[in-house]
Amino acid sequence: MSMSNASQLDRRAAVAALLRDRKDTLVVSGLGSPTYDLHSVGDHDGNFYLWGAMGGAALIGLGLAQARPGRRVLALTGDGEQLMGLGGIATIGVARPKNLDIVVIDNQHFGETGMQASHTGRGVDLTAIAAACGFAVTGTVRTIEEVKRLATEIAGPADGPRLFVIKVLAENPPRSLPSRDAVFIKNRFRAHLGFAAT
């Protein structure tokens, strides 16, 4: 995967390419921009949007992967959220689910609080942290062609959890807002998994 420092990649194009053939993958999206990005690709009963759970996407992905070992689970998060949840990377590395992928949409800024520079723009490497925690595969992508290859890779089997960083432009595209009704989102997701909505 590319090691260049610059990225000209549009986040919405990247997420669309990543999920173009998602099949039955369950997707958990983090607070803010990752949720807007996921929703912009199209609402789906297999999307679990987090509202007000900053730092929780990867760990909710872990719980879901453990509860549904026969399904691929993708936690779509941002650099700010994943930096907040660094301890979760260690927990996931120890748990070693073979059906969990974490994809960090990294604009190197805290988009939800005013676009201040984040730690990933100052040298913090989330892939190195994940590798040190025992993730089976890590990588960084910066072009749409690399995102397309990543989409193919995460559709296949894994020997443990994987974490990928997609470097994108530091922009705030218009919000694509899914429902903010947490009970509706929970019940729809449960029904998608074949459980009674309660």
Protein backbone atom coordinates (compact mmCIF):
# COMPACT_ATOMS: atom_id res chain seq x y z
CA MET A 1 0.00 0.00 0.00
CA SER A 2 1.11 3.55 -0.69
CA MET A 3 3.47 5.34 1.68
CA SER A 4 3.11 8.87 0.19
CA ASN A 5 2.35 11.65 2.68
CA ALA A 6 -0.16 13.56 0.54
CA SER A 7 -3.73 12.61 -0.25
CA GLN A 8 -6.14 14.09 -2.73
CA LEU A 9 -8.81 11.48 -2.06
CA ASP A 10 -12.44 12.53 -1.61
CA ARG A 11 -13.91 10.81 1.45
CA ARG A 12 -17.33 10.17 -0.08
CA ALA A 13 -15.80 8.62 -3.22
CA ALA A 14 -13.60 6.47 -1.01
CA VAL A 15 -16.49 5.18 1.11
CA ALA A 16 -18.60 4.54 -2.00
CA ALA A 17 -15.76 2.50 -3.53
CA LEU A 18 -15.16 0.64 -0.28
CA LEU A 19 -18.81 -0.42 0.02
CA ARG A 20 -19.76 -0.83 -3.65
CA ASP A 21 -20.16 -4.61 -3.23
CA ARG A 22 -20.72 -4.97 0.51
CA LYS A 23 -22.98 -8.02 0.18
CA ASP A 24 -24.15 -8.89 3.72
CA THR A 25 -21.43 -6.98 5.61
CA LEU A 26 -22.70 -5.32 8.77
CA VAL A 27 -21.40 -1.75 9.08
CA VAL A 28 -21.07 0.24 12.29
CA SER A 29 -20.31 3.91 11.70
CA GLY A 30 -18.81 6.32 14.18
CA LEU A 31 -20.16 9.64 15.34
CA GLY A 32 -20.18 12.44 12.79
CA SER A 33 -18.52 12.30 9.40
CA PRO A 34 -18.19 8.48 9.07
CA THR A 35 -21.97 8.22 9.62
CA TYR A 36 -22.63 10.96 7.05
CA ASP A 37 -20.27 9.19 4.63
CA LEU A 38 -21.96 5.81 5.13
CA HIS A 39 -25.44 7.26 4.74
CA SER A 40 -24.41 9.14 1.57
CA VAL A 41 -23.72 5.77 -0.09
CA GLY A 42 -27.32 4.75 0.66
CA ASP A 43 -29.27 3.84 3.74
CA HIS A 44 -29.22 0.11 4.53
CA ASP A 45 -30.82 -2.07 7.19
CA GLY A 46 -27.33 -3.48 7.92
CA ASN A 47 -26.01 -0.03 8.90
CA PHE A 48 -25.74 0.75 12.60
CA TYR A 49 -25.22 4.49 12.96
CA LEU A 50 -23.79 5.72 16.24
CA TRP A 51 -25.04 9.01 17.65
CA GLY A 52 -23.34 10.29 20.78
CA ALA A 53 -21.02 7.30 21.24
CA MET A 54 -17.70 8.99 20.44
CA GLY A 55 -14.85 6.49 20.48
CA GLY A 56 -17.15 3.46 20.41
CA ALA A 57 -17.40 2.31 16.78
CA ALA A 58 -14.51 -0.18 16.87
CA LEU A 59 -15.61 -1.74 20.17
CA ILE A 60 -19.24 -1.99 19.10
CA GLY A 61 -17.88 -3.64 15.96
CA LEU A 62 -16.00 -6.09 18.19
CA GLY A 63 -19.12 -7.00 20.15
CA LEU A 64 -21.08 -7.48 16.95
CA ALA A 65 -18.30 -9.59 15.40
CA GLN A 66 -18.22 -11.80 18.47
CA ALA A 67 -22.02 -12.15 18.54
CA ARG A 68 -22.24 -12.89 14.79
CA PRO A 69 -19.06 -14.82 13.91
CA GLY A 70 -20.51 -15.90 10.58
CA ARG A 71 -20.87 -12.32 9.30
CA ARG A 72 -18.27 -9.79 8.15
CA VAL A 73 -18.34 -6.68 10.32
CA LEU A 74 -16.88 -3.34 9.30
CA ALA A 75 -16.36 -0.52 11.78
CA LEU A 76 -16.15 2.71 9.79
CA THR A 77 -14.65 5.43 11.94
CA GLY A 78 -12.64 8.63 11.80
CA ASP A 79 -9.15 9.48 13.00
CA GLY A 80 -10.44 11.62 15.87
CA GLU A 81 -12.77 8.92 17.12
CA GLN A 82 -10.20 6.14 16.81
CA LEU A 83 -7.61 8.25 18.63
CA MET A 84 -10.15 8.60 21.43
CA GLY A 85 -10.60 4.82 21.47
CA LEU A 86 -6.95 3.67 21.35
CA GLY A 87 -7.52 1.22 24.19
CA GLY A 88 -10.13 -0.50 22.05
CA ILE A 89 -7.45 -1.41 19.53
CA ALA A 90 -5.60 -3.34 22.24
CA THR A 91 -8.80 -5.11 23.32
CA ILE A 92 -9.60 -6.08 19.72
CA GLY A 93 -6.03 -7.30 19.21
CA VAL A 94 -6.35 -9.59 22.23
CA ALA A 95 -9.83 -10.84 21.22
CA ARG A 96 -8.61 -11.58 17.66
CA PRO A 97 -11.96 -11.78 15.83
CA LYS A 98 -11.46 -13.06 12.29
CA ASN A 99 -14.50 -11.24 10.93
CA LEU A 100 -13.81 -7.63 12.00
CA ASP A 101 -12.29 -4.88 9.89
CA ILE A 102 -11.76 -1.34 11.11
CA VAL A 103 -11.48 1.33 8.44
CA VAL A 104 -10.39 4.76 9.61
CA ILE A 105 -11.32 7.67 7.35
CA ASP A 106 -8.37 9.92 8.19
CA ASN A 107 -8.45 13.59 7.22
CA GLN A 108 -5.86 14.36 9.91
CA HIS A 109 -8.27 16.82 11.52
CA PHE A 110 -11.00 16.86 14.15
CA GLY A 111 -13.86 17.60 11.74
CA GLU A 112 -16.63 17.70 14.32
CA THR A 113 -15.03 20.37 16.49
CA GLY A 114 -13.66 22.89 14.00
CA MET A 115 -11.04 21.11 11.86
CA GLN A 116 -8.18 21.39 14.32
CA ALA A 117 -5.16 19.25 13.33
CA SER A 118 -5.38 15.76 14.81
CA HIS A 119 -2.54 13.59 16.07
CA THR A 120 -2.47 11.55 12.85
CA GLY A 121 -1.35 14.71 11.06
CA ARG A 122 1.46 15.00 13.58
CA GLY A 123 2.96 11.56 13.13
CA VAL A 124 0.72 9.17 15.10
CA ASP A 125 0.36 6.02 12.98
CA LEU A 126 -2.80 4.06 13.77
CA THR A 127 -1.67 1.14 11.61
CA ALA A 128 1.56 0.78 13.62
CA ILE A 129 -0.45 0.83 16.85
CA ALA A 130 -2.81 -1.85 15.52
CA ALA A 131 0.10 -4.00 14.34
CA ALA A 132 1.74 -3.71 17.77
CA CYS A 133 -1.57 -4.85 19.31
CA GLY A 134 -1.61 -8.03 17.23
CA PHE A 135 -3.86 -7.14 14.30
CA ALA A 136 -3.46 -9.65 11.47
CA VAL A 137 -3.22 -7.03 8.71
CA THR A 138 -2.88 -3.25 8.62
CA GLY A 139 -2.37 -0.77 5.82
CA THR A 140 -2.77 2.79 4.59
CA VAL A 141 -4.37 3.75 1.28
CA ARG A 142 -4.39 7.08 -0.53
CA THR A 143 -5.87 6.53 -3.98
CA ILE A 144 -9.22 5.32 -5.28
CA GLU A 145 -7.47 2.38 -6.96
CA GLU A 146 -6.06 1.33 -3.58
CA VAL A 147 -9.51 1.67 -2.00
CA LYS A 148 -10.95 -0.64 -4.67
CA ARG A 149 -8.24 -3.22 -3.92
CA LEU A 150 -8.97 -2.82 -0.22
CA ALA A 151 -12.68 -3.49 -0.84
CA THR A 152 -11.73 -6.78 -2.49
CA GLU A 153 -9.32 -7.67 0.31
CA ILE A 154 -11.76 -7.12 3.16
CA ALA A 155 -14.39 -9.22 1.38
CA GLY A 156 -12.08 -12.21 1.85
CA PRO A 157 -11.18 -14.26 4.91
CA ALA A 158 -8.76 -13.08 7.57
CA ASP A 159 -6.62 -14.65 10.28
CA GLY A 160 -7.57 -11.95 12.78
CA PRO A 161 -8.75 -8.35 12.96
CA ARG A 162 -7.60 -5.91 10.30
CA LEU A 163 -7.23 -2.13 10.44
CA PHE A 164 -6.87 0.12 7.42
CA VAL A 165 -6.47 3.87 7.23
CA ILE A 166 -7.83 5.74 4.22
CA LYS A 167 -6.14 9.14 3.93
CA VAL A 168 -8.58 11.73 2.60
CA LEU A 169 -8.73 15.45 1.99
CA ALA A 170 -9.49 17.66 4.98
CA GLU A 171 -12.96 18.79 3.90
CA ASN A 172 -16.43 18.78 5.38
CA PRO A 173 -18.84 17.77 2.61
CA PRO A 174 -22.57 18.44 3.14
CA ARG A 175 -24.06 16.18 5.79
CA SER A 176 -26.09 13.19 4.70
CA LEU A 177 -28.19 12.55 7.77
CA PRO A 178 -29.75 9.20 8.63
CA SER A 179 -32.38 8.91 11.30
CA ARG A 180 -31.26 10.10 14.72
CA ASP A 181 -33.91 7.96 16.39
CA ALA A 182 -31.72 5.48 18.29
CA VAL A 183 -34.63 3.14 19.07
CA PHE A 184 -35.58 2.97 15.37
CA ILE A 185 -31.96 2.30 14.35
CA LYS A 186 -31.60 -0.42 17.00
CA ASN A 187 -34.89 -2.10 16.10
CA ARG A 188 -34.22 -1.97 12.37
CA PHE A 189 -30.76 -3.48 12.86
CA ARG A 190 -32.09 -6.20 15.17
CA ALA A 191 -34.77 -7.07 12.62
CA HIS A 192 -32.10 -7.23 9.91
CA LEU A 193 -30.28 -9.80 12.07
CA GLY A 194 -33.46 -11.81 12.55
CA PHE A 195 -34.23 -10.77 16.12
CA ALA A 196 -37.44 -9.36 17.49
CA ALA A 197 -37.44 -5.59 17.71
CA THR A 198 -37.95 -4.62 21.34
